[in-house]
Amino acid sequence: MAYVSVPKDMTEVKTRLVMNLTKRQVICFGAAAVIGVPLFLSFRGILGNTGAMTLMIAAVIPAFFFAIYSKDGVIPAERFILLILRQMFFFPKIRVYRTQNLYAYLEKNAVKEKEGYFGKAKKPAGAGQTSAATKAGKAKGSPKGKPVGKTRRT
């Protein structure tokens, strides 16, 4: 009995058109033929067969590269080249390691919240209510409104 391996990831499956070539490969090889054959025929008399063949190969290699190459089977050649060019010219060569001080960020936001920077600061639950002992302490003139007497909770 014959066994056929089926890939688990269906993105790896590429549809084949002509002679087991993908659409991308057919287009690139066709473009290479359109460029290479007239180039060879026009320069064969001037440079000879060897020179014209060398010139044709040099002109057609990029089309073959775009047809065949894909990085890790996922990234096509033109996207890979753009990634390399972007890294070389648009981003700095030396990347400085900078840490983000999360503690300072939290501390700065806590200060802003206390100052009411984010709008009205919410009072904690029970902040607006005063107990009878606190009222009595304020009435007797205790410092900072602390109740006078024993306030031991059990």
N, C-alpha and C. Protein backbone atom coordinates (compact mmCIF):
# COMPACT_ATOMS: atom_id res chain seq x y z
N MET A 1 0.85 -1.18 0.00
CA MET A 1 0.00 0.00 0.00
C MET A 1 0.89 1.24 0.00
N ALA A 2 0.56 2.23 -0.79
CA ALA A 2 1.35 3.45 -0.91
C ALA A 2 0.94 4.44 0.17
N TYR A 3 1.94 5.15 0.72
CA TYR A 3 1.69 6.16 1.72
C TYR A 3 2.07 7.52 1.16
N VAL A 4 1.26 8.52 1.48
CA VAL A 4 1.51 9.87 1.02
C VAL A 4 1.64 10.75 2.25
N SER A 5 2.73 11.50 2.33
CA SER A 5 2.90 12.40 3.47
C SER A 5 2.08 13.67 3.24
N VAL A 6 1.30 14.03 4.24
CA VAL A 6 0.47 15.22 4.16
C VAL A 6 1.02 16.24 5.16
N PRO A 7 1.37 17.45 4.72
CA PRO A 7 1.90 18.43 5.67
C PRO A 7 0.83 18.88 6.65
N LYS A 8 1.27 19.14 7.89
CA LYS A 8 0.34 19.58 8.93
C LYS A 8 -0.11 21.02 8.70
N ASP A 9 0.79 21.84 8.22
CA ASP A 9 0.47 23.24 7.97
C ASP A 9 0.14 23.42 6.49
N MET A 10 -1.06 23.85 6.21
CA MET A 10 -1.50 23.96 4.81
C MET A 10 -0.90 25.17 4.09
N THR A 11 -0.23 26.09 4.84
CA THR A 11 0.40 27.22 4.17
C THR A 11 1.64 26.77 3.41
N GLU A 12 2.19 25.60 3.75
CA GLU A 12 3.36 25.08 3.04
C GLU A 12 2.99 24.54 1.66
N VAL A 13 1.73 24.24 1.46
CA VAL A 13 1.29 23.68 0.18
C VAL A 13 1.15 24.82 -0.83
N LYS A 14 1.86 24.67 -1.97
CA LYS A 14 1.79 25.68 -3.01
C LYS A 14 1.19 25.05 -4.25
N THR A 15 0.27 25.76 -4.86
CA THR A 15 -0.38 25.22 -6.06
C THR A 15 0.58 25.30 -7.24
N ARG A 16 0.63 24.25 -8.01
CA ARG A 16 1.53 24.16 -9.15
C ARG A 16 0.73 24.35 -10.43
N LEU A 17 1.32 25.07 -11.37
CA LEU A 17 0.60 25.35 -12.62
C LEU A 17 1.11 24.51 -13.78
N VAL A 18 2.28 24.84 -14.27
CA VAL A 18 2.82 24.23 -15.48
C VAL A 18 4.13 23.54 -15.12
N MET A 19 4.29 22.30 -15.54
CA MET A 19 5.51 21.53 -15.32
C MET A 19 5.98 21.59 -13.86
N ASN A 20 5.05 21.50 -12.94
CA ASN A 20 5.32 21.51 -11.50
C ASN A 20 6.00 22.80 -11.04
N LEU A 21 5.67 23.91 -11.67
CA LEU A 21 6.17 25.23 -11.28
C LEU A 21 5.03 26.05 -10.71
N THR A 22 5.35 26.89 -9.72
CA THR A 22 4.33 27.78 -9.16
C THR A 22 4.11 28.95 -10.11
N LYS A 23 3.07 29.71 -9.84
CA LYS A 23 2.75 30.86 -10.67
C LYS A 23 3.90 31.87 -10.64
N ARG A 24 4.47 32.07 -9.48
CA ARG A 24 5.60 32.99 -9.32
C ARG A 24 6.79 32.56 -10.18
N GLN A 25 7.09 31.26 -10.16
CA GLN A 25 8.22 30.75 -10.94
C GLN A 25 7.96 30.85 -12.44
N VAL A 26 6.74 30.60 -12.87
CA VAL A 26 6.40 30.71 -14.29
C VAL A 26 6.58 32.15 -14.76
N ILE A 27 6.12 33.11 -13.96
CA ILE A 27 6.24 34.53 -14.34
C ILE A 27 7.71 34.95 -14.40
N CYS A 28 8.50 34.56 -13.38
CA CYS A 28 9.91 34.98 -13.35
C CYS A 28 10.71 34.31 -14.45
N PHE A 29 10.48 33.03 -14.71
CA PHE A 29 11.21 32.36 -15.78
C PHE A 29 10.80 32.91 -17.14
N GLY A 30 9.54 33.27 -17.31
CA GLY A 30 9.09 33.89 -18.55
C GLY A 30 9.74 35.25 -18.77
N ALA A 31 9.84 36.03 -17.68
CA ALA A 31 10.51 37.33 -17.78
C ALA A 31 11.99 37.15 -18.11
N ALA A 32 12.62 36.12 -17.54
CA ALA A 32 14.02 35.84 -17.83
C ALA A 32 14.20 35.48 -19.30
N ALA A 33 13.27 34.70 -19.84
CA ALA A 33 13.36 34.32 -21.26
C ALA A 33 13.16 35.52 -22.16
N VAL A 34 12.21 36.40 -21.80
CA VAL A 34 11.94 37.59 -22.59
C VAL A 34 13.15 38.52 -22.58
N ILE A 35 13.88 38.58 -21.48
CA ILE A 35 15.06 39.44 -21.39
C ILE A 35 16.28 38.75 -22.02
N GLY A 36 16.48 37.47 -21.68
CA GLY A 36 17.72 36.78 -22.03
C GLY A 36 17.88 36.43 -23.49
N VAL A 37 16.86 35.91 -24.13
CA VAL A 37 16.99 35.45 -25.52
C VAL A 37 17.28 36.61 -26.48
N PRO A 38 16.51 37.71 -26.47
CA PRO A 38 16.84 38.82 -27.37
C PRO A 38 18.22 39.43 -27.07
N LEU A 39 18.59 39.45 -25.78
CA LEU A 39 19.89 39.98 -25.41
C LEU A 39 21.01 39.12 -26.01
N PHE A 40 20.87 37.81 -25.93
CA PHE A 40 21.86 36.90 -26.50
C PHE A 40 21.94 37.04 -28.02
N LEU A 41 20.77 37.06 -28.66
CA LEU A 41 20.75 37.14 -30.13
C LEU A 41 21.30 38.47 -30.66
N SER A 42 21.07 39.55 -29.91
CA SER A 42 21.54 40.85 -30.38
C SER A 42 23.04 41.04 -30.14
N PHE A 43 23.62 40.43 -29.11
CA PHE A 43 25.04 40.62 -28.83
C PHE A 43 25.92 39.47 -29.31
N ARG A 44 25.34 38.46 -29.94
CA ARG A 44 26.11 37.31 -30.41
C ARG A 44 27.10 37.72 -31.51
N GLY A 45 26.70 38.58 -32.39
CA GLY A 45 27.59 39.01 -33.47
C GLY A 45 28.68 39.94 -32.98
N ILE A 46 28.42 40.74 -31.95
CA ILE A 46 29.39 41.72 -31.45
C ILE A 46 30.41 41.06 -30.52
N LEU A 47 29.91 40.31 -29.50
CA LEU A 47 30.78 39.74 -28.46
C LEU A 47 31.16 38.30 -28.71
N GLY A 48 30.54 37.65 -29.65
CA GLY A 48 30.76 36.22 -29.86
C GLY A 48 29.82 35.43 -28.95
N ASN A 49 29.80 34.12 -29.16
CA ASN A 49 28.87 33.29 -28.37
C ASN A 49 29.18 33.32 -26.88
N THR A 50 30.45 33.24 -26.53
CA THR A 50 30.82 33.19 -25.11
C THR A 50 30.48 34.50 -24.40
N GLY A 51 30.81 35.61 -25.00
CA GLY A 51 30.52 36.91 -24.39
C GLY A 51 29.03 37.17 -24.30
N ALA A 52 28.29 36.82 -25.34
CA ALA A 52 26.85 37.03 -25.32
C ALA A 52 26.18 36.14 -24.28
N MET A 53 26.69 34.91 -24.15
CA MET A 53 26.13 33.99 -23.15
C MET A 53 26.41 34.50 -21.73
N THR A 54 27.62 35.01 -21.51
CA THR A 54 27.96 35.57 -20.20
C THR A 54 27.09 36.77 -19.87
N LEU A 55 26.87 37.63 -20.81
CA LEU A 55 26.01 38.80 -20.62
C LEU A 55 24.57 38.37 -20.36
N MET A 56 24.10 37.39 -21.08
CA MET A 56 22.73 36.90 -20.88
C MET A 56 22.58 36.30 -19.48
N ILE A 57 23.54 35.50 -19.06
CA ILE A 57 23.46 34.89 -17.72
C ILE A 57 23.46 35.96 -16.64
N ALA A 58 24.30 36.98 -16.80
CA ALA A 58 24.35 38.07 -15.82
C ALA A 58 23.02 38.82 -15.76
N ALA A 59 22.35 38.95 -16.90
CA ALA A 59 21.07 39.68 -16.93
C ALA A 59 19.92 38.84 -16.39
N VAL A 60 20.02 37.52 -16.49
CA VAL A 60 18.90 36.63 -16.15
C VAL A 60 18.98 36.13 -14.70
N ILE A 61 20.16 36.15 -14.10
CA ILE A 61 20.31 35.62 -12.73
C ILE A 61 19.36 36.27 -11.73
N PRO A 62 19.13 37.60 -11.73
CA PRO A 62 18.17 38.16 -10.77
C PRO A 62 16.76 37.58 -10.91
N ALA A 63 16.32 37.35 -12.13
CA ALA A 63 14.98 36.77 -12.33
C ALA A 63 14.93 35.35 -11.77
N PHE A 64 15.99 34.57 -11.98
CA PHE A 64 16.04 33.21 -11.41
C PHE A 64 16.05 33.27 -9.88
N PHE A 65 16.79 34.23 -9.34
CA PHE A 65 16.84 34.38 -7.89
C PHE A 65 15.46 34.68 -7.32
N PHE A 66 14.73 35.61 -7.94
CA PHE A 66 13.39 35.95 -7.46
C PHE A 66 12.42 34.79 -7.63
N ALA A 67 12.65 33.94 -8.61
CA ALA A 67 11.76 32.81 -8.84
C ALA A 67 11.97 31.70 -7.82
N ILE A 68 13.21 31.43 -7.48
CA ILE A 68 13.53 30.25 -6.69
C ILE A 68 13.69 30.53 -5.20
N TYR A 69 14.32 31.62 -4.84
CA TYR A 69 14.70 31.85 -3.44
C TYR A 69 13.52 32.26 -2.58
N SER A 70 13.42 31.68 -1.41
CA SER A 70 12.50 32.15 -0.36
C SER A 70 13.13 31.80 0.98
N LYS A 71 13.22 32.76 1.85
CA LYS A 71 13.85 32.58 3.15
C LYS A 71 12.94 31.75 4.04
N ASP A 72 13.43 30.63 4.51
CA ASP A 72 12.69 29.71 5.38
C ASP A 72 11.38 29.23 4.74
N GLY A 73 11.27 29.32 3.45
CA GLY A 73 10.07 28.88 2.76
C GLY A 73 8.89 29.81 2.94
N VAL A 74 9.08 30.95 3.58
CA VAL A 74 7.97 31.85 3.89
C VAL A 74 8.17 33.23 3.27
N ILE A 75 9.36 33.81 3.44
CA ILE A 75 9.60 35.18 3.00
C ILE A 75 10.15 35.14 1.57
N PRO A 76 9.45 35.76 0.62
CA PRO A 76 9.96 35.78 -0.76
C PRO A 76 11.20 36.67 -0.87
N ALA A 77 11.91 36.52 -1.97
CA ALA A 77 13.21 37.17 -2.15
C ALA A 77 13.11 38.69 -2.07
N GLU A 78 12.09 39.29 -2.69
CA GLU A 78 12.03 40.75 -2.69
C GLU A 78 11.78 41.30 -1.29
N ARG A 79 10.97 40.64 -0.50
CA ARG A 79 10.73 41.09 0.87
C ARG A 79 11.98 40.91 1.72
N PHE A 80 12.71 39.83 1.48
CA PHE A 80 13.95 39.58 2.21
C PHE A 80 14.99 40.65 1.88
N ILE A 81 15.10 41.03 0.61
CA ILE A 81 16.04 42.08 0.22
C ILE A 81 15.63 43.42 0.83
N LEU A 82 14.33 43.72 0.85
CA LEU A 82 13.88 44.96 1.48
C LEU A 82 14.17 44.98 2.97
N LEU A 83 14.03 43.85 3.63
CA LEU A 83 14.37 43.79 5.06
C LEU A 83 15.85 44.05 5.29
N ILE A 84 16.69 43.48 4.44
CA ILE A 84 18.13 43.69 4.57
C ILE A 84 18.49 45.16 4.32
N LEU A 85 17.93 45.75 3.27
CA LEU A 85 18.21 47.16 2.96
C LEU A 85 17.70 48.08 4.06
N ARG A 86 16.54 47.78 4.60
CA ARG A 86 15.99 48.60 5.68
C ARG A 86 16.90 48.53 6.90
N GLN A 87 17.40 47.35 7.21
CA GLN A 87 18.28 47.20 8.36
C GLN A 87 19.61 47.91 8.14
N MET A 88 20.11 47.88 6.91
CA MET A 88 21.42 48.48 6.64
C MET A 88 21.37 50.01 6.59
N PHE A 89 20.30 50.58 6.05
CA PHE A 89 20.30 52.02 5.80
C PHE A 89 19.38 52.83 6.70
N PHE A 90 18.31 52.27 7.20
CA PHE A 90 17.34 53.07 7.93
C PHE A 90 17.41 52.92 9.43
N PHE A 91 18.08 51.91 9.93
CA PHE A 91 18.20 51.71 11.36
C PHE A 91 19.66 51.86 11.77
N PRO A 92 19.91 52.33 12.99
CA PRO A 92 21.29 52.54 13.41
C PRO A 92 22.05 51.21 13.51
N LYS A 93 23.34 51.29 13.23
CA LYS A 93 24.18 50.09 13.26
C LYS A 93 24.43 49.64 14.69
N ILE A 94 24.62 50.60 15.59
CA ILE A 94 24.87 50.27 16.99
C ILE A 94 23.59 50.53 17.77
N ARG A 95 23.10 49.48 18.36
CA ARG A 95 21.89 49.62 19.16
C ARG A 95 22.31 49.68 20.63
N VAL A 96 21.94 50.74 21.29
CA VAL A 96 22.30 50.93 22.68
C VAL A 96 21.26 50.24 23.55
N TYR A 97 21.75 49.49 24.52
CA TYR A 97 20.85 48.81 25.44
C TYR A 97 20.37 49.81 26.48
N ARG A 98 19.10 50.06 26.47
CA ARG A 98 18.51 50.99 27.44
C ARG A 98 17.41 50.26 28.19
N THR A 99 17.53 50.30 29.50
CA THR A 99 16.49 49.66 30.31
C THR A 99 15.39 50.67 30.58
N GLN A 100 14.22 50.17 30.83
CA GLN A 100 13.11 51.02 31.22
C GLN A 100 12.90 50.82 32.71
N ASN A 101 13.05 51.90 33.46
CA ASN A 101 12.91 51.82 34.90
C ASN A 101 11.43 51.85 35.24
N LEU A 102 10.87 50.68 35.42
CA LEU A 102 9.44 50.57 35.69
C LEU A 102 9.08 51.19 37.03
N TYR A 103 9.98 51.08 38.01
CA TYR A 103 9.71 51.63 39.33
C TYR A 103 9.58 53.15 39.25
N ALA A 104 10.46 53.82 38.51
CA ALA A 104 10.39 55.28 38.38
C ALA A 104 9.10 55.69 37.66
N TYR A 105 8.70 54.91 36.66
CA TYR A 105 7.47 55.21 35.95
C TYR A 105 6.27 55.11 36.89
N LEU A 106 6.20 54.07 37.70
CA LEU A 106 5.09 53.91 38.64
C LEU A 106 5.11 55.00 39.71
N GLU A 107 6.31 55.36 40.15
CA GLU A 107 6.43 56.41 41.16
C GLU A 107 5.98 57.75 40.61
N LYS A 108 6.32 58.05 39.36
CA LYS A 108 5.92 59.31 38.74
C LYS A 108 4.40 59.37 38.59
N ASN A 109 3.78 58.25 38.19
CA ASN A 109 2.32 58.23 38.07
C ASN A 109 1.65 58.34 39.41
N ALA A 110 2.25 57.78 40.45
CA ALA A 110 1.66 57.89 41.80
C ALA A 110 1.68 59.35 42.25
N VAL A 111 2.75 60.07 41.96
CA VAL A 111 2.83 61.49 42.33
C VAL A 111 1.79 62.28 41.55
N LYS A 112 1.62 61.96 40.27
CA LYS A 112 0.62 62.66 39.47
C LYS A 112 -0.80 62.39 39.97
N GLU A 113 -1.05 61.17 40.41
CA GLU A 113 -2.38 60.85 40.94
C GLU A 113 -2.65 61.61 42.22
N LYS A 114 -1.63 61.75 43.06
CA LYS A 114 -1.81 62.50 44.31
C LYS A 114 -2.08 63.96 44.04
N GLU A 115 -1.44 64.50 43.00
CA GLU A 115 -1.62 65.90 42.66
C GLU A 115 -2.93 66.14 41.91
N GLY A 116 -3.61 65.08 41.53
CA GLY A 116 -4.85 65.23 40.80
C GLY A 116 -4.63 65.48 39.32
N TYR A 117 -3.50 65.04 38.79
CA TYR A 117 -3.16 65.27 37.39
C TYR A 117 -4.11 64.51 36.46
N PHE A 118 -4.58 63.35 36.87
CA PHE A 118 -5.45 62.52 36.04
C PHE A 118 -6.93 62.81 36.30
N GLY A 119 -7.22 63.98 36.76
CA GLY A 119 -8.60 64.30 37.10
C GLY A 119 -8.73 64.28 38.62
N LYS A 120 -9.94 64.29 39.11
CA LYS A 120 -10.13 64.27 40.55
C LYS A 120 -9.70 62.94 41.11
N ALA A 121 -8.88 63.01 42.15
CA ALA A 121 -8.42 61.78 42.79
C ALA A 121 -9.58 61.18 43.59
N LYS A 122 -9.73 59.91 43.47
CA LYS A 122 -10.81 59.24 44.19
C LYS A 122 -10.42 59.08 45.64
N LYS A 123 -11.37 59.39 46.52
CA LYS A 123 -11.11 59.21 47.94
C LYS A 123 -11.29 57.74 48.29
N PRO A 124 -10.47 57.24 49.20
CA PRO A 124 -10.65 55.86 49.60
C PRO A 124 -11.99 55.66 50.29
N ALA A 125 -12.45 54.43 50.32
CA ALA A 125 -13.76 54.14 50.92
C ALA A 125 -13.75 54.55 52.38
N GLY A 126 -14.75 55.30 52.77
CA GLY A 126 -14.89 55.73 54.17
C GLY A 126 -14.09 56.97 54.49
N ALA A 127 -13.49 57.62 53.52
CA ALA A 127 -12.67 58.79 53.79
C ALA A 127 -13.53 59.99 54.15
N GLY A 128 -14.72 60.07 53.65
CA GLY A 128 -15.58 61.20 53.92
C GLY A 128 -16.34 61.06 55.23
N GLN A 129 -16.34 59.89 55.81
CA GLN A 129 -17.08 59.65 57.05
C GLN A 129 -16.13 59.81 58.22
N THR A 130 -16.63 60.37 59.26
CA THR A 130 -15.84 60.52 60.48
C THR A 130 -16.52 59.75 61.59
N SER A 131 -15.71 59.11 62.38
CA SER A 131 -16.29 58.33 63.48
C SER A 131 -16.59 59.25 64.66
N ALA A 132 -17.33 58.73 65.60
CA ALA A 132 -17.70 59.51 66.78
C ALA A 132 -16.47 59.82 67.62
N ALA A 133 -15.52 58.90 67.68
CA ALA A 133 -14.31 59.13 68.47
C ALA A 133 -13.47 60.24 67.85
N THR A 134 -13.43 60.30 66.53
CA THR A 134 -12.67 61.35 65.86
C THR A 134 -13.32 62.69 66.09
N LYS A 135 -14.65 62.73 66.03
CA LYS A 135 -15.35 63.99 66.27
C LYS A 135 -15.13 64.44 67.71
N ALA A 136 -15.13 63.48 68.62
CA ALA A 136 -14.92 63.83 70.02
C ALA A 136 -13.51 64.33 70.23
N GLY A 137 -12.53 63.71 69.55
CA GLY A 137 -11.14 64.14 69.68
C GLY A 137 -10.94 65.54 69.12
N LYS A 138 -11.59 65.86 68.03
CA LYS A 138 -11.47 67.19 67.45
C LYS A 138 -12.12 68.23 68.36
N ALA A 139 -13.19 67.81 68.95
CA ALA A 139 -13.90 68.74 69.81
C ALA A 139 -13.08 69.07 71.05
N LYS A 140 -12.31 68.13 71.56
CA LYS A 140 -11.53 68.37 72.77
C LYS A 140 -10.22 69.05 72.46
N GLY A 141 -9.88 69.19 71.18
CA GLY A 141 -8.68 69.92 70.82
C GLY A 141 -7.44 69.05 70.78
N SER A 142 -7.60 67.80 70.53
CA SER A 142 -6.43 66.93 70.42
C SER A 142 -5.68 67.26 69.12
N PRO A 143 -4.39 67.02 69.07
CA PRO A 143 -3.63 67.37 67.87
C PRO A 143 -4.02 66.48 66.68
N LYS A 144 -4.16 67.12 65.58
CA LYS A 144 -4.43 66.47 64.30
C LYS A 144 -5.69 65.61 64.32
N GLY A 145 -6.61 65.91 65.15
CA GLY A 145 -7.89 65.23 65.16
C GLY A 145 -7.83 63.79 65.64
N LYS A 146 -6.77 63.44 66.40
CA LYS A 146 -6.69 62.08 66.90
C LYS A 146 -7.59 61.97 68.13
N PRO A 147 -8.26 60.87 68.30
CA PRO A 147 -9.15 60.72 69.45
C PRO A 147 -8.34 60.63 70.74
N VAL A 148 -8.95 61.14 71.79
CA VAL A 148 -8.32 61.15 73.10
C VAL A 148 -8.81 59.91 73.85
N GLY A 149 -7.93 59.28 74.54
CA GLY A 149 -8.34 58.11 75.33
C GLY A 149 -7.86 56.84 74.67
N LYS A 150 -8.29 55.74 75.23
CA LYS A 150 -7.88 54.44 74.72
C LYS A 150 -8.67 54.12 73.46
N THR A 151 -7.95 53.79 72.42
CA THR A 151 -8.59 53.42 71.15
C THR A 151 -8.04 52.08 70.71
N ARG A 152 -8.08 51.14 71.59
CA ARG A 152 -7.56 49.83 71.26
C ARG A 152 -8.68 48.99 70.64
N ARG A 153 -8.36 48.44 69.51
CA ARG A 153 -9.35 47.57 68.84
C ARG A 153 -9.01 46.13 69.13
N THR A 154 -10.02 45.37 69.40
CA THR A 154 -9.80 43.95 69.66
C THR A 154 -10.57 43.10 68.72
